Every structure is written in structure tokens, then in C-alpha cells.
PDB file of all heavy atoms in Angstrom:
ATOM      1  N   PHE A   1     -61.890  65.005  -8.552  1.00  0.00           N
ATOM      2  CA  PHE A   1     -62.296  66.279  -7.832  1.00  0.00           C
ATOM      3  C   PHE A   1     -63.623  66.004  -7.061  1.00  0.00           C
ATOM      4  O   PHE A   1     -64.472  65.274  -7.508  1.00  0.00           O
ATOM      5  CB  PHE A   1     -62.578  67.445  -8.813  1.00  0.00           C
ATOM      6  CG  PHE A   1     -61.269  67.939  -9.499  1.00  0.00           C
ATOM      7  CD1 PHE A   1     -60.143  67.283  -9.428  1.00  0.00           C
ATOM      8  CD2 PHE A   1     -61.414  69.012 -10.329  1.00  0.00           C
ATOM      9  CE1 PHE A   1     -58.923  67.764 -10.051  1.00  0.00           C
ATOM     10  CE2 PHE A   1     -60.366  69.492 -11.067  1.00  0.00           C
ATOM     11  CZ  PHE A   1     -59.074  68.916 -10.877  1.00  0.00           C
ATOM     12  N   THR A   2     -63.714  66.640  -5.955  1.00  0.00           N
ATOM     13  CA  THR A   2     -64.984  66.620  -5.091  1.00  0.00           C
ATOM     14  C   THR A   2     -65.246  68.040  -4.614  1.00  0.00           C
ATOM     15  O   THR A   2     -64.388  68.764  -4.556  1.00  0.00           O
ATOM     16  CB  THR A   2     -64.874  65.579  -3.998  1.00  0.00           C
ATOM     17  OG1 THR A   2     -63.774  65.967  -3.093  1.00  0.00           O
ATOM     18  CG2 THR A   2     -64.687  64.181  -4.542  1.00  0.00           C
ATOM     19  N   ILE A   3     -66.498  68.239  -4.249  1.00  0.00           N
ATOM     20  CA  ILE A   3     -66.992  69.492  -3.725  1.00  0.00           C
ATOM     21  C   ILE A   3     -67.637  69.224  -2.355  1.00  0.00           C
ATOM     22  O   ILE A   3     -68.382  68.249  -2.139  1.00  0.00           O
ATOM     23  CB  ILE A   3     -68.014  70.231  -4.648  1.00  0.00           C
ATOM     24  CG1 ILE A   3     -67.247  70.841  -5.817  1.00  0.00           C
ATOM     25  CG2 ILE A   3     -68.706  71.312  -3.929  1.00  0.00           C
ATOM     26  CD1 ILE A   3     -68.119  71.674  -6.681  1.00  0.00           C
ATOM     27  N   SER A   4     -67.424  70.069  -1.434  1.00  0.00           N
ATOM     28  CA  SER A   4     -68.098  70.029  -0.115  1.00  0.00           C
ATOM     29  C   SER A   4     -68.334  71.456   0.346  1.00  0.00           C
ATOM     30  O   SER A   4     -67.719  72.381  -0.123  1.00  0.00           O
ATOM     31  CB  SER A   4     -67.218  69.349   0.913  1.00  0.00           C
ATOM     32  OG  SER A   4     -65.965  69.952   1.194  1.00  0.00           O
ATOM     33  N   SER A   5     -69.229  71.618   1.294  1.00  0.00           N
ATOM     34  CA  SER A   5     -69.622  72.930   1.825  1.00  0.00           C
ATOM     35  C   SER A   5     -69.673  72.922   3.348  1.00  0.00           C
ATOM     36  O   SER A   5     -70.055  71.873   3.909  1.00  0.00           O
ATOM     37  CB  SER A   5     -70.972  73.345   1.161  1.00  0.00           C
ATOM     38  OG  SER A   5     -71.975  72.524   1.565  1.00  0.00           O
ATOM     39  N   ASP A   6     -69.288  73.993   3.941  1.00  0.00           N
ATOM     40  CA  ASP A   6     -69.489  74.173   5.314  1.00  0.00           C
ATOM     41  C   ASP A   6     -70.328  75.469   5.528  1.00  0.00           C
ATOM     42  O   ASP A   6     -69.770  76.583   5.438  1.00  0.00           O
ATOM     43  CB  ASP A   6     -68.047  74.418   5.942  1.00  0.00           C
ATOM     44  CG  ASP A   6     -68.097  74.467   7.536  1.00  0.00           C
ATOM     45  OD1 ASP A   6     -69.130  74.809   8.038  1.00  0.00           O
ATOM     46  OD2 ASP A   6     -67.062  74.202   8.078  1.00  0.00           O
ATOM     47  N   ASN A   7     -71.565  75.184   5.750  1.00  0.00           N
ATOM     48  CA  ASN A   7     -72.483  76.289   5.798  1.00  0.00           C
ATOM     49  C   ASN A   7     -72.270  77.240   7.008  1.00  0.00           C
ATOM     50  O   ASN A   7     -72.498  78.449   6.865  1.00  0.00           O
ATOM     51  CB  ASN A   7     -74.010  75.742   5.875  1.00  0.00           C
ATOM     52  CG  ASN A   7     -74.410  75.136   4.593  1.00  0.00           C
ATOM     53  OD1 ASN A   7     -73.673  75.128   3.643  1.00  0.00           O
ATOM     54  ND2 ASN A   7     -75.577  74.617   4.636  1.00  0.00           N
ATOM     55  N   ALA A   8     -71.804  76.647   8.013  1.00  0.00           N
ATOM     56  CA  ALA A   8     -71.395  77.555   9.307  1.00  0.00           C
ATOM     57  C   ALA A   8     -70.324  78.537   8.908  1.00  0.00           C
ATOM     58  O   ALA A   8     -70.283  79.651   9.464  1.00  0.00           O
ATOM     59  CB  ALA A   8     -70.986  76.643  10.456  1.00  0.00           C
ATOM     60  N   LYS A   9     -69.359  78.189   8.052  1.00  0.00           N
ATOM     61  CA  LYS A   9     -68.311  79.061   7.625  1.00  0.00           C
ATOM     62  C   LYS A   9     -68.650  79.768   6.277  1.00  0.00           C
ATOM     63  O   LYS A   9     -67.751  80.496   5.871  1.00  0.00           O
ATOM     64  CB  LYS A   9     -67.048  78.324   7.543  1.00  0.00           C
ATOM     65  CG  LYS A   9     -66.549  77.683   8.850  1.00  0.00           C
ATOM     66  CD  LYS A   9     -65.205  77.075   8.674  1.00  0.00           C
ATOM     67  CE  LYS A   9     -64.678  76.489  10.013  1.00  0.00           C
ATOM     68  NZ  LYS A   9     -63.322  75.812   9.877  1.00  0.00           N
ATOM     69  N   ASN A  10     -69.798  79.481   5.692  1.00  0.00           N
ATOM     70  CA  ASN A  10     -70.148  80.111   4.410  1.00  0.00           C
ATOM     71  C   ASN A  10     -69.073  79.851   3.322  1.00  0.00           C
ATOM     72  O   ASN A  10     -68.671  80.810   2.671  1.00  0.00           O
ATOM     73  CB  ASN A  10     -70.406  81.502   4.542  1.00  0.00           C
ATOM     74  CG  ASN A  10     -71.519  81.885   5.569  1.00  0.00           C
ATOM     75  OD1 ASN A  10     -71.365  82.455   6.573  1.00  0.00           O
ATOM     76  ND2 ASN A  10     -72.755  81.458   5.044  1.00  0.00           N
ATOM     77  N   THR A  11     -68.598  78.567   3.269  1.00  0.00           N
ATOM     78  CA  THR A  11     -67.461  78.245   2.430  1.00  0.00           C
ATOM     79  C   THR A  11     -67.739  76.996   1.672  1.00  0.00           C
ATOM     80  O   THR A  11     -68.227  76.037   2.221  1.00  0.00           O
ATOM     81  CB  THR A  11     -66.185  78.109   3.328  1.00  0.00           C
ATOM     82  OG1 THR A  11     -65.868  79.301   3.895  1.00  0.00           O
ATOM     83  CG2 THR A  11     -64.944  77.755   2.330  1.00  0.00           C
ATOM     84  N   VAL A  12     -67.354  76.979   0.371  1.00  0.00           N
ATOM     85  CA  VAL A  12     -67.354  75.789  -0.479  1.00  0.00           C
ATOM     86  C   VAL A  12     -66.014  75.436  -0.806  1.00  0.00           C
ATOM     87  O   VAL A  12     -65.145  76.246  -1.103  1.00  0.00           O
ATOM     88  CB  VAL A  12     -68.338  76.034  -1.739  1.00  0.00           C
ATOM     89  CG1 VAL A  12     -68.145  74.855  -2.680  1.00  0.00           C
ATOM     90  CG2 VAL A  12     -69.629  76.347  -1.358  1.00  0.00           C
ATOM     91  N   TYR A  13     -65.628  74.127  -0.842  1.00  0.00           N
ATOM     92  CA  TYR A  13     -64.277  73.607  -1.079  1.00  0.00           C
ATOM     93  C   TYR A  13     -64.359  72.785  -2.277  1.00  0.00           C
ATOM     94  O   TYR A  13     -65.149  71.958  -2.473  1.00  0.00           O
ATOM     95  CB  TYR A  13     -63.762  72.791   0.103  1.00  0.00           C
ATOM     96  CG  TYR A  13     -63.729  73.523   1.466  1.00  0.00           C
ATOM     97  CD1 TYR A  13     -64.792  73.453   2.369  1.00  0.00           C
ATOM     98  CD2 TYR A  13     -62.626  74.177   1.797  1.00  0.00           C
ATOM     99  CE1 TYR A  13     -64.741  74.220   3.509  1.00  0.00           C
ATOM    100  CE2 TYR A  13     -62.535  74.897   2.948  1.00  0.00           C
ATOM    101  CZ  TYR A  13     -63.564  74.864   3.853  1.00  0.00           C
ATOM    102  OH  TYR A  13     -63.514  75.554   5.118  1.00  0.00           O
ATOM    103  N   LEU A  14     -63.303  73.025  -3.094  1.00  0.00           N
ATOM    104  CA  LEU A  14     -63.047  72.172  -4.285  1.00  0.00           C
ATOM    105  C   LEU A  14     -61.791  71.311  -3.930  1.00  0.00           C
ATOM    106  O   LEU A  14     -60.675  71.913  -3.721  1.00  0.00           O
ATOM    107  CB  LEU A  14     -62.818  72.918  -5.506  1.00  0.00           C
ATOM    108  CG  LEU A  14     -62.443  72.140  -6.760  1.00  0.00           C
ATOM    109  CD1 LEU A  14     -63.609  71.271  -7.191  1.00  0.00           C
ATOM    110  CD2 LEU A  14     -62.015  73.029  -7.942  1.00  0.00           C
ATOM    111  N   GLN A  15     -61.909  70.088  -3.767  1.00  0.00           N
ATOM    112  CA  GLN A  15     -60.847  69.137  -3.486  1.00  0.00           C
ATOM    113  C   GLN A  15     -60.266  68.551  -4.677  1.00  0.00           C
ATOM    114  O   GLN A  15     -61.162  67.848  -5.383  1.00  0.00           O
ATOM    115  CB  GLN A  15     -61.276  68.086  -2.407  1.00  0.00           C
ATOM    116  CG  GLN A  15     -60.185  67.057  -2.089  1.00  0.00           C
ATOM    117  CD  GLN A  15     -59.007  67.654  -1.303  1.00  0.00           C
ATOM    118  OE1 GLN A  15     -59.292  68.383  -0.358  1.00  0.00           O
ATOM    119  NE2 GLN A  15     -57.787  67.309  -1.788  1.00  0.00           N
ATOM    120  N   MET A  16     -59.054  68.752  -5.044  1.00  0.00           N
ATOM    121  CA  MET A  16     -58.473  68.233  -6.285  1.00  0.00           C
ATOM    122  C   MET A  16     -57.406  67.273  -5.993  1.00  0.00           C
ATOM    123  O   MET A  16     -56.407  67.583  -5.374  1.00  0.00           O
ATOM    124  CB  MET A  16     -57.941  69.337  -7.138  1.00  0.00           C
ATOM    125  CG  MET A  16     -58.906  70.510  -7.369  1.00  0.00           C
ATOM    126  SD  MET A  16     -58.346  71.771  -8.520  1.00  0.00           S
ATOM    127  CE  MET A  16     -57.033  72.477  -7.561  1.00  0.00           C
ATOM    128  N   ASN A  17     -57.559  66.033  -6.516  1.00  0.00           N
ATOM    129  CA  ASN A  17     -56.670  64.886  -6.222  1.00  0.00           C
ATOM    130  C   ASN A  17     -56.149  64.437  -7.592  1.00  0.00           C
ATOM    131  O   ASN A  17     -56.757  64.693  -8.611  1.00  0.00           O
ATOM    132  CB  ASN A  17     -57.296  63.852  -5.453  1.00  0.00           C
ATOM    133  CG  ASN A  17     -57.900  64.161  -4.145  1.00  0.00           C
ATOM    134  OD1 ASN A  17     -57.125  64.932  -3.440  1.00  0.00           O
ATOM    135  ND2 ASN A  17     -58.952  63.629  -3.757  1.00  0.00           N
ATOM    136  N   SER A  18     -54.983  63.797  -7.529  1.00  0.00           N
ATOM    137  CA  SER A  18     -54.370  63.250  -8.784  1.00  0.00           C
ATOM    138  C   SER A  18     -54.326  64.211  -9.840  1.00  0.00           C
ATOM    139  O   SER A  18     -54.717  63.992 -11.001  1.00  0.00           O
ATOM    140  CB  SER A  18     -55.204  61.999  -9.238  1.00  0.00           C
ATOM    141  OG  SER A  18     -55.343  60.961  -8.260  1.00  0.00           O
ATOM    142  N   LEU A  19     -53.786  65.339  -9.433  1.00  0.00           N
ATOM    143  CA  LEU A  19     -53.603  66.381 -10.439  1.00  0.00           C
ATOM    144  C   LEU A  19     -52.754  66.163 -11.612  1.00  0.00           C
ATOM    145  O   LEU A  19     -51.650  65.413 -11.436  1.00  0.00           O
ATOM    146  CB  LEU A  19     -53.155  67.687  -9.751  1.00  0.00           C
ATOM    147  CG  LEU A  19     -54.229  68.392  -8.844  1.00  0.00           C
ATOM    148  CD1 LEU A  19     -53.571  69.359  -7.883  1.00  0.00           C
ATOM    149  CD2 LEU A  19     -55.235  69.132  -9.755  1.00  0.00           C
ATOM    150  N   LYS A  20     -53.077  66.647 -12.790  1.00  0.00           N
ATOM    151  CA  LYS A  20     -52.347  66.486 -13.957  1.00  0.00           C
ATOM    152  C   LYS A  20     -51.829  67.856 -14.573  1.00  0.00           C
ATOM    153  O   LYS A  20     -52.439  68.807 -14.249  1.00  0.00           O
ATOM    154  CB  LYS A  20     -53.172  65.754 -15.023  1.00  0.00           C
ATOM    155  CG  LYS A  20     -53.809  64.458 -14.557  1.00  0.00           C
ATOM    156  CD  LYS A  20     -54.776  63.897 -15.642  1.00  0.00           C
ATOM    157  CE  LYS A  20     -55.393  62.628 -15.121  1.00  0.00           C
ATOM    158  NZ  LYS A  20     -56.327  62.146 -16.091  1.00  0.00           N
ATOM    159  N   PRO A  21     -50.835  67.816 -15.321  1.00  0.00           N
ATOM    160  CA  PRO A  21     -50.337  69.094 -15.924  1.00  0.00           C
ATOM    161  C   PRO A  21     -51.474  69.871 -16.657  1.00  0.00           C
ATOM    162  O   PRO A  21     -51.538  71.089 -16.673  1.00  0.00           O
ATOM    163  CB  PRO A  21     -49.187  68.730 -16.881  1.00  0.00           C
ATOM    164  CG  PRO A  21     -48.639  67.491 -16.233  1.00  0.00           C
ATOM    165  CD  PRO A  21     -49.875  66.724 -15.637  1.00  0.00           C
ATOM    166  N   GLU A  22     -52.390  69.121 -17.290  1.00  0.00           N
ATOM    167  CA  GLU A  22     -53.542  69.755 -18.039  1.00  0.00           C
ATOM    168  C   GLU A  22     -54.540  70.408 -17.169  1.00  0.00           C
ATOM    169  O   GLU A  22     -55.428  71.178 -17.658  1.00  0.00           O
ATOM    170  CB  GLU A  22     -54.158  68.817 -18.975  1.00  0.00           C
ATOM    171  CG  GLU A  22     -54.626  67.483 -18.267  1.00  0.00           C
ATOM    172  CD  GLU A  22     -53.561  66.383 -18.507  1.00  0.00           C
ATOM    173  OE1 GLU A  22     -52.367  66.625 -18.317  1.00  0.00           O
ATOM    174  OE2 GLU A  22     -54.035  65.280 -18.760  1.00  0.00           O
ATOM    175  N   ASP A  23     -54.417  70.277 -15.835  1.00  0.00           N
ATOM    176  CA  ASP A  23     -55.263  70.972 -14.824  1.00  0.00           C
ATOM    177  C   ASP A  23     -54.720  72.380 -14.598  1.00  0.00           C
ATOM    178  O   ASP A  23     -55.460  73.066 -13.897  1.00  0.00           O
ATOM    179  CB  ASP A  23     -55.319  70.154 -13.635  1.00  0.00           C
ATOM    180  CG  ASP A  23     -56.055  68.813 -13.758  1.00  0.00           C
ATOM    181  OD1 ASP A  23     -57.047  68.731 -14.514  1.00  0.00           O
ATOM    182  OD2 ASP A  23     -55.566  67.832 -13.086  1.00  0.00           O
ATOM    183  N   THR A  24     -53.653  72.762 -15.108  1.00  0.00           N
ATOM    184  CA  THR A  24     -53.100  73.978 -14.788  1.00  0.00           C
ATOM    185  C   THR A  24     -53.953  75.100 -15.436  1.00  0.00           C
ATOM    186  O   THR A  24     -54.237  75.064 -16.599  1.00  0.00           O
ATOM    187  CB  THR A  24     -51.588  74.205 -15.417  1.00  0.00           C
ATOM    188  OG1 THR A  24     -50.755  73.253 -14.760  1.00  0.00           O
ATOM    189  CG2 THR A  24     -51.070  75.532 -15.326  1.00  0.00           C
ATOM    190  N   ALA A  25     -54.392  76.026 -14.579  1.00  0.00           N
ATOM    191  CA  ALA A  25     -55.359  77.108 -14.988  1.00  0.00           C
ATOM    192  C   ALA A  25     -55.490  78.020 -13.801  1.00  0.00           C
ATOM    193  O   ALA A  25     -55.113  77.758 -12.686  1.00  0.00           O
ATOM    194  CB  ALA A  25     -56.649  76.503 -15.494  1.00  0.00           C
ATOM    195  N   VAL A  26     -56.205  79.191 -14.087  1.00  0.00           N
ATOM    196  CA  VAL A  26     -56.786  80.055 -13.049  1.00  0.00           C
ATOM    197  C   VAL A  26     -58.148  79.481 -12.758  1.00  0.00           C
ATOM    198  O   VAL A  26     -58.956  79.292 -13.673  1.00  0.00           O
ATOM    199  CB  VAL A  26     -56.774  81.447 -13.566  1.00  0.00           C
ATOM    200  CG1 VAL A  26     -57.478  82.279 -12.405  1.00  0.00           C
ATOM    201  CG2 VAL A  26     -55.453  81.937 -13.830  1.00  0.00           C
ATOM    202  N   TYR A  27     -58.431  79.210 -11.454  1.00  0.00           N
ATOM    203  CA  TYR A  27     -59.682  78.690 -11.037  1.00  0.00           C
ATOM    204  C   TYR A  27     -60.516  79.659 -10.350  1.00  0.00           C
ATOM    205  O   TYR A  27     -60.055  80.538  -9.566  1.00  0.00           O
ATOM    206  CB  TYR A  27     -59.376  77.461 -10.122  1.00  0.00           C
ATOM    207  CG  TYR A  27     -59.001  76.215 -10.723  1.00  0.00           C
ATOM    208  CD1 TYR A  27     -57.758  76.072 -11.270  1.00  0.00           C
ATOM    209  CD2 TYR A  27     -59.828  75.129 -10.858  1.00  0.00           C
ATOM    210  CE1 TYR A  27     -57.292  74.995 -11.920  1.00  0.00           C
ATOM    211  CE2 TYR A  27     -59.433  73.953 -11.523  1.00  0.00           C
ATOM    212  CZ  TYR A  27     -58.112  73.870 -12.032  1.00  0.00           C
ATOM    213  OH  TYR A  27     -57.764  72.656 -12.716  1.00  0.00           O
ATOM    214  N   TYR A  28     -61.766  79.845 -10.726  1.00  0.00           N
ATOM    215  CA  TYR A  28     -62.795  80.738 -10.276  1.00  0.00           C
ATOM    216  C   TYR A  28     -63.975  80.131  -9.663  1.00  0.00           C
ATOM    217  O   TYR A  28     -64.379  78.968 -10.137  1.00  0.00           O
ATOM    218  CB  TYR A  28     -63.258  81.602 -11.455  1.00  0.00           C
ATOM    219  CG  TYR A  28     -62.216  82.425 -12.187  1.00  0.00           C
ATOM    220  CD1 TYR A  28     -61.613  81.779 -13.334  1.00  0.00           C
ATOM    221  CD2 TYR A  28     -61.896  83.734 -11.781  1.00  0.00           C
ATOM    222  CE1 TYR A  28     -60.575  82.616 -13.948  1.00  0.00           C
ATOM    223  CE2 TYR A  28     -60.977  84.401 -12.640  1.00  0.00           C
ATOM    224  CZ  TYR A  28     -60.297  83.877 -13.694  1.00  0.00           C
ATOM    225  OH  TYR A  28     -59.363  84.584 -14.336  1.00  0.00           O
ATOM    226  N   CYS A  29     -64.495  80.731  -8.671  1.00  0.00           N
ATOM    227  CA  CYS A  29     -65.807  80.178  -8.148  1.00  0.00           C
ATOM    228  C   CYS A  29     -66.830  81.328  -8.426  1.00  0.00           C
ATOM    229  O   CYS A  29     -66.459  82.455  -8.600  1.00  0.00           O
ATOM    230  CB  CYS A  29     -65.811  79.910  -6.628  1.00  0.00           C
ATOM    231  SG  CYS A  29     -65.567  81.238  -5.550  1.00  0.00           S
ATOM    232  N   ALA A  30     -68.044  80.960  -8.560  1.00  0.00           N
ATOM    233  CA  ALA A  30     -69.117  81.843  -8.946  1.00  0.00           C
ATOM    234  C   ALA A  30     -70.389  81.426  -8.261  1.00  0.00           C
ATOM    235  O   ALA A  30     -70.590  80.233  -7.885  1.00  0.00           O
ATOM    236  CB  ALA A  30     -69.283  81.926 -10.492  1.00  0.00           C
ATOM    237  N   ALA A  31     -71.350  82.308  -8.310  1.00  0.00           N
ATOM    238  CA  ALA A  31     -72.731  82.092  -7.649  1.00  0.00           C
ATOM    239  C   ALA A  31     -73.803  82.416  -8.665  1.00  0.00           C
ATOM    240  O   ALA A  31     -73.705  83.378  -9.344  1.00  0.00           O
ATOM    241  CB  ALA A  31     -72.879  82.930  -6.364  1.00  0.00           C
ATOM    242  N   ALA A  32     -74.902  81.548  -8.615  1.00  0.00           N
ATOM    243  CA  ALA A  32     -76.004  81.759  -9.492  1.00  0.00           C
ATOM    244  C   ALA A  32     -77.346  81.561  -8.671  1.00  0.00           C
ATOM    245  O   ALA A  32     -77.452  80.562  -8.000  1.00  0.00           O
ATOM    246  CB  ALA A  32     -76.008  80.807 -10.716  1.00  0.00           C
ATOM    247  N   ARG A  33     -78.225  82.523  -8.766  1.00  0.00           N
ATOM    248  CA  ARG A  33     -79.494  82.312  -8.099  1.00  0.00           C
ATOM    249  C   ARG A  33     -80.284  81.179  -8.772  1.00  0.00           C
ATOM    250  O   ARG A  33     -80.370  81.117  -9.999  1.00  0.00           O
ATOM    251  CB  ARG A  33     -80.335  83.676  -8.221  1.00  0.00           C
ATOM    252  CG  ARG A  33     -81.653  83.603  -7.431  1.00  0.00           C
ATOM    253  CD  ARG A  33     -82.483  84.840  -7.644  1.00  0.00           C
ATOM    254  NE  ARG A  33     -81.772  85.962  -7.073  1.00  0.00           N
ATOM    255  CZ  ARG A  33     -81.949  86.370  -5.795  1.00  0.00           C
ATOM    256  NH1 ARG A  33     -82.671  85.663  -4.979  1.00  0.00           N
ATOM    257  NH2 ARG A  33     -81.346  87.438  -5.389  1.00  0.00           N
ATOM    258  N   LEU A  34     -80.853  80.339  -7.935  1.00  0.00           N
ATOM    259  CA  LEU A  34     -81.635  79.178  -8.453  1.00  0.00           C
ATOM    260  C   LEU A  34     -82.915  79.671  -9.063  1.00  0.00           C
ATOM    261  O   LEU A  34     -83.602  80.637  -8.569  1.00  0.00           O
ATOM    262  CB  LEU A  34     -81.797  78.211  -7.331  1.00  0.00           C
ATOM    263  CG  LEU A  34     -80.614  77.423  -6.857  1.00  0.00           C
ATOM    264  CD1 LEU A  34     -81.052  76.570  -5.566  1.00  0.00           C
ATOM    265  CD2 LEU A  34     -80.069  76.551  -7.898  1.00  0.00           C
ATOM    266  N   ARG A  35     -83.328  78.996 -10.130  1.00  0.00           N
ATOM    267  CA  ARG A  35     -84.553  79.364 -10.804  1.00  0.00           C
ATOM    268  C   ARG A  35     -85.757  78.578 -10.351  1.00  0.00           C
ATOM    269  O   ARG A  35     -85.619  77.423  -9.950  1.00  0.00           O
ATOM    270  CB  ARG A  35     -84.344  79.221 -12.320  1.00  0.00           C
ATOM    271  CG  ARG A  35     -83.146  79.906 -12.906  1.00  0.00           C
ATOM    272  CD  ARG A  35     -83.181  81.428 -12.786  1.00  0.00           C
ATOM    273  NE  ARG A  35     -81.964  82.034 -13.221  1.00  0.00           N
ATOM    274  CZ  ARG A  35     -81.854  82.595 -14.455  1.00  0.00           C
ATOM    275  NH1 ARG A  35     -82.764  82.394 -15.427  1.00  0.00           N
ATOM    276  NH2 ARG A  35     -80.712  83.133 -14.793  1.00  0.00           N
TER     277      ARG A  35
END
């Protein structure tokens, strides 16, 4: 898995390769204010 961001589009991407059956799930994204 890799992560990339496109700030112009305000979008973060999770790229998932070589997927396995155990990767089956509901995937969520979330935001946290930096401390």
C-alpha cells in the first residue's frame, strides 16, 4: 500500500496493490489536527 496527496484537489489516495482476501473490510479515512 502507498499514500499520495493532491493538494490542488484536496484529495488523499490510498493505492492498494497485491490485494489479499484478508484485506476485505470497510475502509475509512479520517482527519486529526496536528499537535
